[in-house]
Protein backbone atom coordinates (compact mmCIF):
# COMPACT_ATOMS: atom_id res chain seq x y z
CA MET A 1 -94.82 -41.20 -197.99
CA VAL A 2 -93.94 -39.91 -194.51
CA ARG A 3 -97.31 -38.12 -194.31
CA PHE A 4 -99.10 -41.27 -195.50
CA ILE A 5 -97.44 -43.35 -192.76
CA MET A 6 -98.45 -40.73 -190.17
CA VAL A 7 -102.05 -40.76 -191.39
CA LEU A 8 -102.25 -44.56 -191.46
CA SER A 9 -100.77 -44.76 -187.97
CA LEU A 10 -103.38 -42.30 -186.72
CA MET A 11 -106.19 -44.25 -188.38
CA VAL A 12 -105.00 -47.55 -186.93
CA SER A 13 -104.82 -45.94 -183.49
CA LEU A 14 -108.43 -44.78 -183.82
CA LEU A 15 -108.89 -47.55 -182.62
CA GLY A 16 -124.23 -27.62 -168.54
CA ALA A 17 -127.89 -28.59 -169.05
CA TYR A 18 -129.52 -31.84 -167.94
CA ASP A 19 -128.72 -34.70 -170.31
CA SER A 20 -130.38 -38.06 -169.67
CA THR A 21 -127.67 -40.19 -171.31
CA ILE A 22 -124.76 -38.49 -169.56
CA GLU A 23 -126.35 -38.89 -166.15
CA ILE A 24 -124.85 -42.15 -164.90
CA VAL A 25 -127.62 -44.05 -163.13
CA LYS A 26 -130.80 -42.08 -162.60
CA LYS A 27 -133.38 -44.70 -163.58
CA ILE A 28 -132.95 -47.08 -160.67
CA GLN A 29 -135.17 -50.12 -161.00
CA LYS A 30 -135.74 -53.01 -158.65
CA LYS A 31 -133.99 -56.00 -160.17
CA GLN A 32 -135.64 -59.39 -160.16
CA SER A 33 -133.71 -62.43 -158.93
CA ILE A 34 -133.50 -65.15 -161.55
CA SER A 35 -131.99 -68.61 -161.93
CA VAL A 36 -131.35 -70.75 -165.00
CA VAL A 37 -132.59 -74.34 -164.81
CA ASP A 38 -131.64 -77.20 -167.14
CA SER A 39 -134.49 -79.68 -167.54
CA SER A 40 -132.96 -81.47 -170.56
CA ASN A 41 -132.84 -85.26 -170.53
CA SER A 42 -129.82 -85.49 -172.80
CA SER A 43 -126.44 -83.95 -173.39
CA PHE A 44 -124.90 -82.74 -176.64
CA LEU A 45 -122.04 -80.67 -177.99
CA ASN A 46 -121.99 -77.11 -176.58
CA LYS A 47 -124.97 -77.58 -174.22
CA SER A 48 -122.97 -76.54 -171.16
CA LYS A 49 -121.56 -73.52 -173.02
CA LEU A 50 -125.08 -72.59 -174.14
CA LEU A 51 -126.47 -72.64 -170.60
CA ASN A 52 -123.54 -70.65 -169.21
CA LEU A 53 -123.89 -68.12 -172.02
CA ILE A 54 -127.55 -67.57 -171.03
CA VAL A 55 -126.40 -66.85 -167.48
CA GLY A 56 -123.79 -64.44 -168.85
CA ASP A 57 -126.31 -62.67 -171.10
CA LEU A 58 -128.69 -62.17 -168.18
CA LYS A 59 -125.87 -60.48 -166.27
CA VAL A 60 -124.93 -58.26 -169.22
CA THR A 61 -128.50 -56.96 -169.47
CA THR A 62 -127.92 -55.51 -165.96
CA ASN A 63 -131.69 -55.93 -165.47
CA PHE A 64 -131.52 -59.01 -163.18
CA ASN A 65 -129.86 -60.36 -160.08
CA VAL A 66 -128.60 -63.61 -161.56
CA LYS A 67 -127.86 -66.74 -159.55
CA ASP A 68 -124.50 -68.23 -160.55
CA GLY A 69 -124.44 -71.76 -161.87
CA ILE A 70 -127.07 -73.98 -163.46
CA SER A 71 -129.74 -75.80 -161.47
CA ASN A 72 -131.04 -79.22 -162.56
CA ASN A 73 -134.12 -79.29 -160.34
CA PRO A 74 -137.10 -77.24 -161.61
CA ALA A 75 -139.00 -78.05 -158.41
CA ASN A 76 -136.39 -76.44 -156.17
CA ILE A 77 -136.47 -72.79 -157.18
CA SER A 78 -135.81 -70.13 -154.56
CA GLU A 79 -135.50 -67.14 -156.91
CA LYS A 80 -138.55 -65.12 -157.88
CA LEU A 81 -137.97 -65.99 -161.54
CA ALA A 82 -136.75 -69.20 -163.15
CA LEU A 83 -135.79 -69.67 -166.79
CA ILE A 84 -136.27 -73.39 -167.41
CA CYS A 85 -134.48 -74.73 -170.49
CA ASP A 86 -135.24 -78.01 -172.25
CA PHE A 87 -132.68 -78.50 -175.05
CA LYS A 88 -132.45 -81.33 -177.56
CA GLN A 89 -130.06 -82.05 -180.39
CA ASN A 90 -132.01 -81.80 -183.64
CA GLY A 91 -129.85 -83.25 -186.43
CA SER A 92 -126.98 -80.79 -186.82
CA GLY A 93 -128.92 -78.13 -184.89
CA ILE A 94 -130.62 -77.53 -181.56
CA SER A 95 -134.28 -77.32 -180.54
CA ALA A 96 -135.30 -75.60 -177.33
CA ASN A 97 -138.43 -75.30 -175.20
CA ILE A 98 -138.17 -72.42 -172.76
CA THR A 99 -140.49 -71.90 -169.80
CA VAL A 100 -140.40 -68.90 -167.50
CA LYS A 101 -141.94 -69.23 -164.05
CA ASN A 102 -142.14 -67.14 -160.95
CA SER A 103 -142.67 -68.52 -157.46
CA SER A 104 -146.40 -69.06 -158.02
CA LYS A 105 -147.16 -69.61 -161.72
CA LYS A 106 -145.88 -70.06 -165.26
CA LEU A 107 -145.46 -66.75 -167.05
CA TYR A 108 -144.83 -67.91 -170.59
CA SER A 109 -143.19 -70.55 -172.78
CA LYS A 110 -141.57 -70.41 -176.20
CA SER A 111 -139.92 -72.81 -178.66
CA TYR A 112 -136.78 -72.22 -180.70
CA ASN A 113 -134.88 -74.06 -183.42
CA ILE A 114 -131.47 -73.41 -184.93
CA SER A 115 -130.17 -75.45 -187.86
CA ARG A 116 -126.47 -75.37 -186.92
CA ASN A 117 -125.02 -76.22 -183.53
CA ASN A 118 -122.13 -73.77 -183.94
CA ARG A 119 -124.59 -70.85 -183.84
CA PHE A 120 -125.73 -71.65 -180.31
CA ALA A 121 -124.61 -68.21 -179.10
CA PHE A 122 -127.45 -66.56 -181.03
CA LEU A 123 -129.93 -69.02 -179.52
CA ALA A 124 -128.82 -67.89 -176.06
CA HIS A 125 -129.05 -64.22 -177.05
CA SER A 126 -132.56 -64.68 -178.49
CA ILE A 127 -133.82 -66.41 -175.35
CA VAL A 128 -132.56 -63.61 -173.09
CA VAL A 129 -133.77 -60.81 -175.38
CA ASP A 130 -137.27 -62.36 -175.53
CA LEU A 131 -137.43 -62.70 -171.73
CA ASN A 132 -136.23 -59.12 -171.32
CA ASN A 133 -138.89 -57.86 -173.76
CA TYR A 134 -141.65 -59.93 -172.13
CA LEU A 135 -140.90 -58.26 -168.80
CA ASN A 136 -140.86 -54.84 -170.54
CA LEU A 137 -137.33 -54.09 -169.37
CA PRO A 138 -134.91 -51.69 -171.12
CA LYS A 139 -134.09 -53.00 -174.61
CA VAL A 140 -131.14 -55.33 -175.16
CA ASP A 141 -131.97 -56.34 -178.75
CA TRP A 142 -128.40 -55.40 -179.68
CA MET A 143 -127.35 -58.77 -178.23
CA LYS A 144 -128.70 -60.49 -181.36
CA ARG A 145 -126.75 -58.30 -183.75
CA TYR A 146 -123.47 -59.27 -185.39
CA ILE A 147 -120.26 -57.43 -184.75
CA ILE A 148 -117.62 -57.27 -187.48
CA PHE A 149 -113.94 -56.74 -186.84
CA SER A 150 -110.53 -56.84 -188.46
CA LYS A 151 -108.09 -59.23 -186.81
CA TYR A 152 -104.31 -59.12 -187.20
CA THR A 153 -103.06 -62.67 -187.69
CA THR A 154 -99.42 -62.38 -188.83
CA SER A 155 -97.20 -59.51 -189.94
CA GLY A 156 -98.88 -57.73 -192.86
CA ASN A 157 -101.96 -59.95 -192.69
CA SER A 158 -105.40 -59.33 -191.21
CA SER A 159 -108.77 -60.98 -191.71
CA ILE A 160 -112.34 -59.69 -191.51
CA VAL A 161 -114.45 -61.67 -189.02
CA ILE A 162 -118.20 -61.68 -188.26
CA ALA A 163 -119.07 -62.67 -184.67
CA ASP A 164 -121.56 -62.33 -181.86
CA TYR A 165 -120.75 -59.75 -179.21
CA THR A 166 -119.21 -62.33 -176.86
CA LEU A 167 -116.92 -63.72 -179.62
CA THR A 168 -118.38 -67.19 -178.96
CA PHE A 169 -119.39 -67.45 -182.63
CA GLN A 170 -116.81 -66.34 -185.21
CA LYS A 171 -116.73 -66.66 -188.99
CA THR A 172 -113.90 -65.36 -191.17
CA VAL A 173 -115.38 -63.69 -194.24
CA VAL A 174 -112.29 -62.05 -195.81
CA SER A 175 -108.73 -63.38 -195.56
CA GLY A 176 -105.38 -63.15 -197.31
CA GLY A 177 -103.30 -60.00 -197.13
CA LEU A 178 -104.06 -56.78 -195.25
CA ASN A 179 -107.81 -56.20 -194.84
CA ILE A 180 -108.87 -53.55 -192.34
CA PHE A 181 -111.58 -51.12 -191.16
CA PRO A 182 -114.80 -53.11 -191.82
CA LYS A 183 -118.07 -51.13 -191.65
CA TRP A 184 -121.64 -52.43 -191.91
CA ALA A 185 -123.33 -51.12 -195.07
CA ASN A 186 -126.86 -51.03 -193.66
CA LYS A 187 -128.96 -51.59 -190.53
CA SER A 188 -129.90 -55.11 -191.63
CA GLN A 189 -126.20 -56.09 -191.71
CA SER A 190 -126.62 -57.77 -195.08
CA ALA A 191 -123.42 -56.22 -196.48
CA PHE A 192 -120.26 -54.49 -195.31
CA TYR A 193 -117.41 -52.31 -196.57
CA TYR A 194 -113.73 -52.83 -195.88
CA THR A 195 -110.35 -51.53 -197.06
CA SER A 196 -107.90 -53.80 -198.85
CA TYR A 197 -104.20 -52.98 -199.08
CA ASN A 198 -103.51 -55.89 -201.43
CA GLY A 199 -103.46 -54.12 -204.80
CA ALA A 200 -101.63 -51.26 -206.44
CA GLU A 201 -103.74 -48.78 -204.46
CA PRO A 202 -105.74 -49.02 -201.22
CA THR A 203 -109.24 -50.06 -202.33
CA LEU A 204 -112.65 -49.95 -200.69
CA TYR A 205 -114.82 -53.01 -201.34
CA LYS A 206 -118.42 -53.91 -200.54
CA VAL A 207 -119.23 -57.53 -199.68
CA ASP A 208 -122.66 -59.19 -199.72
CA VAL A 209 -122.83 -61.38 -196.60
CA SER A 210 -125.16 -64.05 -198.02
CA SER A 211 -123.44 -64.65 -201.35
CA GLY A 212 -119.92 -63.52 -200.48
CA SER A 213 -119.79 -61.53 -203.71
CA LYS A 214 -117.45 -58.54 -203.66
CA SER A 215 -117.65 -55.28 -205.62
CA ARG A 216 -115.09 -52.49 -205.87
CA ILE A 217 -116.33 -49.09 -204.64
CA ALA A 218 -113.32 -46.77 -205.00
CA SER A 219 -109.52 -46.56 -204.72
CA SER A 220 -107.15 -43.84 -203.59
CA SER A 221 -103.42 -43.56 -204.06
CA GLY A 222 -102.84 -42.57 -200.44
CA MET A 223 -105.54 -44.24 -198.35
CA ILE A 224 -109.27 -44.91 -198.28
CA VAL A 225 -111.45 -45.88 -195.30
CA CYS A 226 -115.23 -45.91 -194.83
CA SER A 227 -115.77 -44.51 -191.34
CA ASP A 228 -119.57 -44.08 -191.31
CA VAL A 229 -122.73 -44.89 -193.26
CA SER A 230 -125.88 -42.73 -193.28
CA SER A 231 -128.99 -44.14 -191.61
CA ASP A 232 -130.55 -45.04 -194.98
CA GLY A 233 -127.31 -46.49 -196.35
CA SER A 234 -127.16 -44.04 -199.26
CA LYS A 235 -124.18 -41.93 -198.16
CA LEU A 236 -120.70 -42.85 -196.91
CA LEU A 237 -118.12 -40.80 -195.09
CA LEU A 238 -114.72 -41.69 -196.50
CA THR A 239 -111.23 -40.74 -195.42
CA MET A 240 -109.09 -40.36 -198.55
CA ALA A 241 -105.63 -38.98 -199.27
CA PRO A 242 -105.34 -38.81 -203.08
CA ASN A 243 -102.78 -35.99 -202.86
CA ASP A 244 -100.88 -37.13 -199.77
CA GLN A 245 -103.36 -35.21 -197.56
CA ALA A 246 -106.07 -36.98 -195.56
CA ASP A 247 -109.52 -35.39 -195.79
CA ILE A 248 -113.16 -36.37 -195.28
CA TYR A 249 -115.28 -37.02 -198.37
CA LEU A 250 -119.02 -37.62 -198.79
CA TYR A 251 -119.69 -40.50 -201.18
CA ASP A 252 -123.06 -41.07 -202.84
CA VAL A 253 -123.71 -44.83 -203.10
CA TYR A 254 -126.10 -44.54 -206.05
CA SER A 255 -124.26 -42.05 -208.26
CA GLY A 256 -120.69 -42.81 -207.18
CA SER A 257 -119.98 -39.07 -206.81
CA LYS A 258 -117.59 -37.78 -204.12
CA THR A 259 -117.72 -34.39 -202.38
CA ARG A 260 -114.76 -33.16 -200.37
CA LEU A 261 -115.93 -31.95 -196.94
CA THR A 262 -112.65 -30.85 -195.28
CA THR A 263 -109.73 -28.96 -196.82
CA TYR A 264 -107.29 -28.56 -193.95
CA ASN A 265 -103.59 -28.84 -194.84
CA GLY A 266 -103.03 -31.58 -192.33
CA ILE A 267 -104.83 -34.71 -191.13
CA ASP A 268 -108.63 -35.03 -191.05
CA VAL A 269 -109.86 -38.62 -190.57
CA GLY A 270 -112.65 -40.77 -189.12
CA GLY A 271 -115.78 -38.81 -190.06
CA ASN A 272 -119.10 -39.70 -188.40
CA PHE A 273 -122.61 -38.35 -188.97
CA VAL A 274 -124.17 -36.57 -185.98
CA ASP A 275 -127.34 -34.60 -185.18
CA ALA A 276 -129.51 -36.63 -187.60
CA GLY A 277 -126.93 -36.28 -190.37
CA ALA A 278 -126.91 -32.48 -190.35
CA ARG A 279 -123.27 -32.37 -189.17
CA ILE A 280 -120.19 -34.55 -189.06
CA VAL A 281 -117.59 -35.05 -186.35
CA PHE A 282 -114.05 -36.14 -187.15
CA ILE A 283 -110.51 -36.39 -185.81
CA SER A 284 -108.01 -33.72 -186.83
CA ASN A 285 -104.51 -32.59 -185.83
CA ARG A 286 -105.41 -28.89 -186.22
CA LEU A 287 -104.15 -28.21 -182.69
CA GLY A 288 -100.92 -30.11 -183.23
CA TYR A 289 -102.39 -33.28 -181.74
CA PRO A 290 -105.46 -35.42 -182.54
CA ASN A 291 -108.73 -33.99 -181.28
CA VAL A 292 -112.48 -34.12 -182.03
CA PHE A 293 -114.01 -31.46 -184.29
CA SER A 294 -117.34 -30.95 -186.03
CA LYS A 295 -118.75 -29.05 -189.00
CA PRO A 296 -122.07 -28.83 -190.84
CA LEU A 297 -122.41 -31.43 -193.56
CA HIS A 298 -122.73 -28.74 -196.23
CA GLY A 299 -120.60 -25.64 -195.66
CA GLY A 300 -120.10 -23.87 -192.33
CA LYS A 301 -117.13 -23.51 -190.01
CA VAL A 302 -115.22 -26.16 -188.12
CA SER A 303 -115.76 -26.27 -184.34
CA GLN A 304 -113.67 -27.88 -181.62
CA MET A 305 -115.76 -30.41 -179.67
CA VAL A 306 -113.38 -31.60 -176.92
CA TYR A 307 -111.31 -29.42 -174.56
CA HIS A 308 -109.91 -32.32 -172.55
CA GLY A 309 -106.80 -34.41 -173.24
CA ARG A 310 -103.89 -34.07 -175.65
CA ASN A 311 -104.54 -37.09 -177.87
CA ASN A 312 -108.22 -37.78 -178.60
CA SER A 313 -108.17 -40.34 -181.38
CA SER A 314 -111.25 -42.19 -182.65
CA CYS A 315 -114.85 -41.27 -182.08
CA SER A 316 -118.34 -42.62 -182.71
CA THR A 317 -121.78 -40.97 -182.69
CA TYR A 318 -125.38 -41.71 -181.83
CA GLY A 319 -127.98 -38.97 -182.27
CA LYS A 320 -126.48 -35.98 -180.46
CA TYR A 321 -123.90 -38.01 -178.51
CA ILE A 322 -120.21 -38.66 -179.12
CA VAL A 323 -117.90 -41.24 -177.54
CA TYR A 324 -114.16 -40.89 -178.02
CA SER A 325 -110.90 -42.44 -176.85
CA SER A 326 -108.36 -40.20 -175.11
CA ARG A 327 -104.71 -40.91 -174.26
CA GLU A 328 -103.78 -40.09 -170.67
CA THR A 329 -100.92 -40.65 -168.24
CA ASN A 330 -101.73 -42.58 -165.07
CA TYR A 331 -100.22 -42.21 -161.60
CA ALA A 332 -97.33 -44.54 -162.52
CA GLY A 333 -96.40 -42.44 -165.54
CA ASN A 334 -97.74 -44.98 -168.06
CA ASN A 335 -99.94 -44.09 -171.01
CA THR A 336 -103.55 -45.24 -170.81
CA PHE A 337 -106.45 -44.75 -173.21
CA ASN A 338 -109.85 -44.07 -171.68
CA ILE A 339 -113.26 -43.56 -173.24
CA TYR A 340 -115.41 -40.47 -172.67
CA LEU A 341 -118.99 -39.49 -173.54
CA ILE A 342 -120.09 -35.98 -174.52
CA SER A 343 -123.12 -34.32 -176.10
CA THR A 344 -123.20 -31.82 -178.96
CA ARG A 345 -125.69 -29.73 -176.98
CA THR A 346 -124.13 -29.40 -173.53
CA ASP A 347 -120.69 -29.06 -171.96
CA SER A 348 -121.17 -32.22 -169.88
CA ILE A 349 -118.50 -34.91 -170.06
CA ARG A 350 -118.57 -38.42 -168.61
CA LYS A 351 -115.63 -40.80 -168.20
CA LEU A 352 -116.60 -44.37 -169.12
CA THR A 353 -113.37 -46.32 -168.44
CA ASN A 354 -110.65 -45.84 -165.83
CA SER A 355 -107.58 -47.88 -166.76
CA GLY A 356 -105.80 -49.76 -169.52
CA LYS A 357 -105.86 -49.21 -173.28
CA ASN A 358 -109.47 -48.74 -174.34
CA MET A 359 -109.81 -47.88 -178.00
CA TYR A 360 -112.22 -47.53 -180.90
CA PRO A 361 -115.59 -47.06 -179.11
CA ARG A 362 -118.76 -47.77 -181.09
CA PHE A 363 -122.38 -47.04 -180.12
CA GLY A 364 -125.06 -49.73 -180.22
CA THR A 365 -128.47 -49.50 -181.87
CA TYR A 366 -130.23 -47.85 -178.91
CA GLY A 367 -127.37 -45.66 -177.72
CA GLU A 368 -127.23 -46.98 -174.15
CA THR A 369 -124.53 -49.55 -174.98
CA VAL A 370 -121.00 -48.95 -176.30
CA ILE A 371 -118.52 -51.57 -177.45
CA PHE A 372 -114.79 -50.94 -177.64
CA ILE A 373 -111.43 -52.66 -178.06
CA LYS A 374 -109.45 -53.39 -174.89
CA HIS A 375 -105.76 -54.06 -175.58
CA MET A 376 -104.03 -56.25 -173.00
CA GLY A 377 -100.38 -56.67 -173.97
CA SER A 378 -100.29 -58.85 -177.07
CA ARG A 379 -103.98 -59.75 -176.68
CA SER A 380 -107.21 -57.84 -177.10
CA ALA A 381 -110.85 -58.11 -176.06
CA ILE A 382 -114.25 -56.73 -176.92
CA GLY A 383 -115.49 -54.48 -174.13
CA VAL A 384 -119.19 -53.79 -173.54
CA LEU A 385 -120.21 -50.64 -171.63
CA ARG A 386 -123.78 -50.51 -170.27
CA LEU A 387 -124.15 -46.77 -169.79
CA ASN A 388 -127.36 -46.61 -167.75
CA ALA A 389 -126.03 -49.19 -165.28
CA ASN A 390 -122.42 -47.95 -165.21
CA ARG A 391 -121.18 -51.52 -165.81
CA SER A 392 -118.63 -52.99 -168.21
CA PHE A 393 -117.88 -56.52 -169.44
CA LEU A 394 -114.90 -57.98 -171.35
CA PHE A 395 -114.81 -60.80 -173.92
CA PRO A 396 -111.21 -61.73 -174.87
CA LEU A 397 -110.14 -62.81 -178.35
CA SER A 398 -108.19 -66.05 -178.02
CA ILE A 399 -106.13 -65.81 -181.22
CA GLY A 400 -104.98 -62.68 -183.04
CA LYS A 401 -105.39 -59.01 -182.18
CA ILE A 402 -108.39 -56.81 -182.98
CA GLN A 403 -107.65 -53.81 -185.21
CA SER A 404 -111.10 -52.18 -185.58
CA ILE A 405 -114.76 -53.07 -184.99
CA ASP A 406 -118.30 -52.18 -185.98
CA TRP A 407 -121.82 -53.41 -185.13
């Protein structure tokens, strides 16, 4: 039981050569000035929030110089680009006509419709992503994706929530009891896995987002967590402790078979696929403290990946890259948790955050964006790191505390 508590505590806390991703800002581009203009003739619920969210999204792309505030005069545009928005309430939804102009001519226009007003955040994200793509700027399609997170509500209770990256839209999809470590089951985000501690044994479930139907995947007497899913969705990396020892297992979705990948007499948790699935990285206490290690998926020796820090807990991968959270002591003697980026093919290391408690980093779909959990006393926020621009943004959670995230 003592070992199980140690393992669970660790899991909850998971929270040389040229390398183009580790170089901070090498692709310097001339940013275009842009303003957001409201040409709507009517007002409706959430219109002001929608317009301000578009301004915020434009800033998060880091591809524009964005004028603060909303203009109401399309004829008085001083910026080189203007995004002119004509919104109307359409039953319980919103219709939008978007026109993009520069100082001399109209560039393009596009219409949008959403059926539910409360999903206005995704309307804003779609408008900005489409503008970004039209101008052939670095991809920000990740803005339209859902994030999923576990949120502590009261003692011994946590819910699973689906949201947009700014937390403007939120929908609770699992509640009642202790539900933690959600993980998307596929790239289309049509299903997810999560761990329930509400039965006789910790149990991994899969939930279909559209229908809400739930199916049991596996249970383990000690613990069970899905930490990564293969690119085709057919394989899972599970942390299990059936004999009071946490190890990494490979689970085949179609056959239900499990293969034990680590056999260390200690704690191995949080496996992630890396190098196109040929290897895994994971967190282990083999050095007497949590650190990042790797091994080939099938056989081969274990290798230490990080030689910095004394408590490196929680990692995520994209291609050949790894982000991880490391506990440090600042100048005042207080513990902080900062996020670092490394590659499996060089010795380069890049620090991504500088202060506070920054936990549980997760790569986005194109690898140039990382989200993480920022703990601020009794509150928490979603952090967004734009690697190529060396910029970060925070989106606080108003109620509850975030335990883990995925997107």
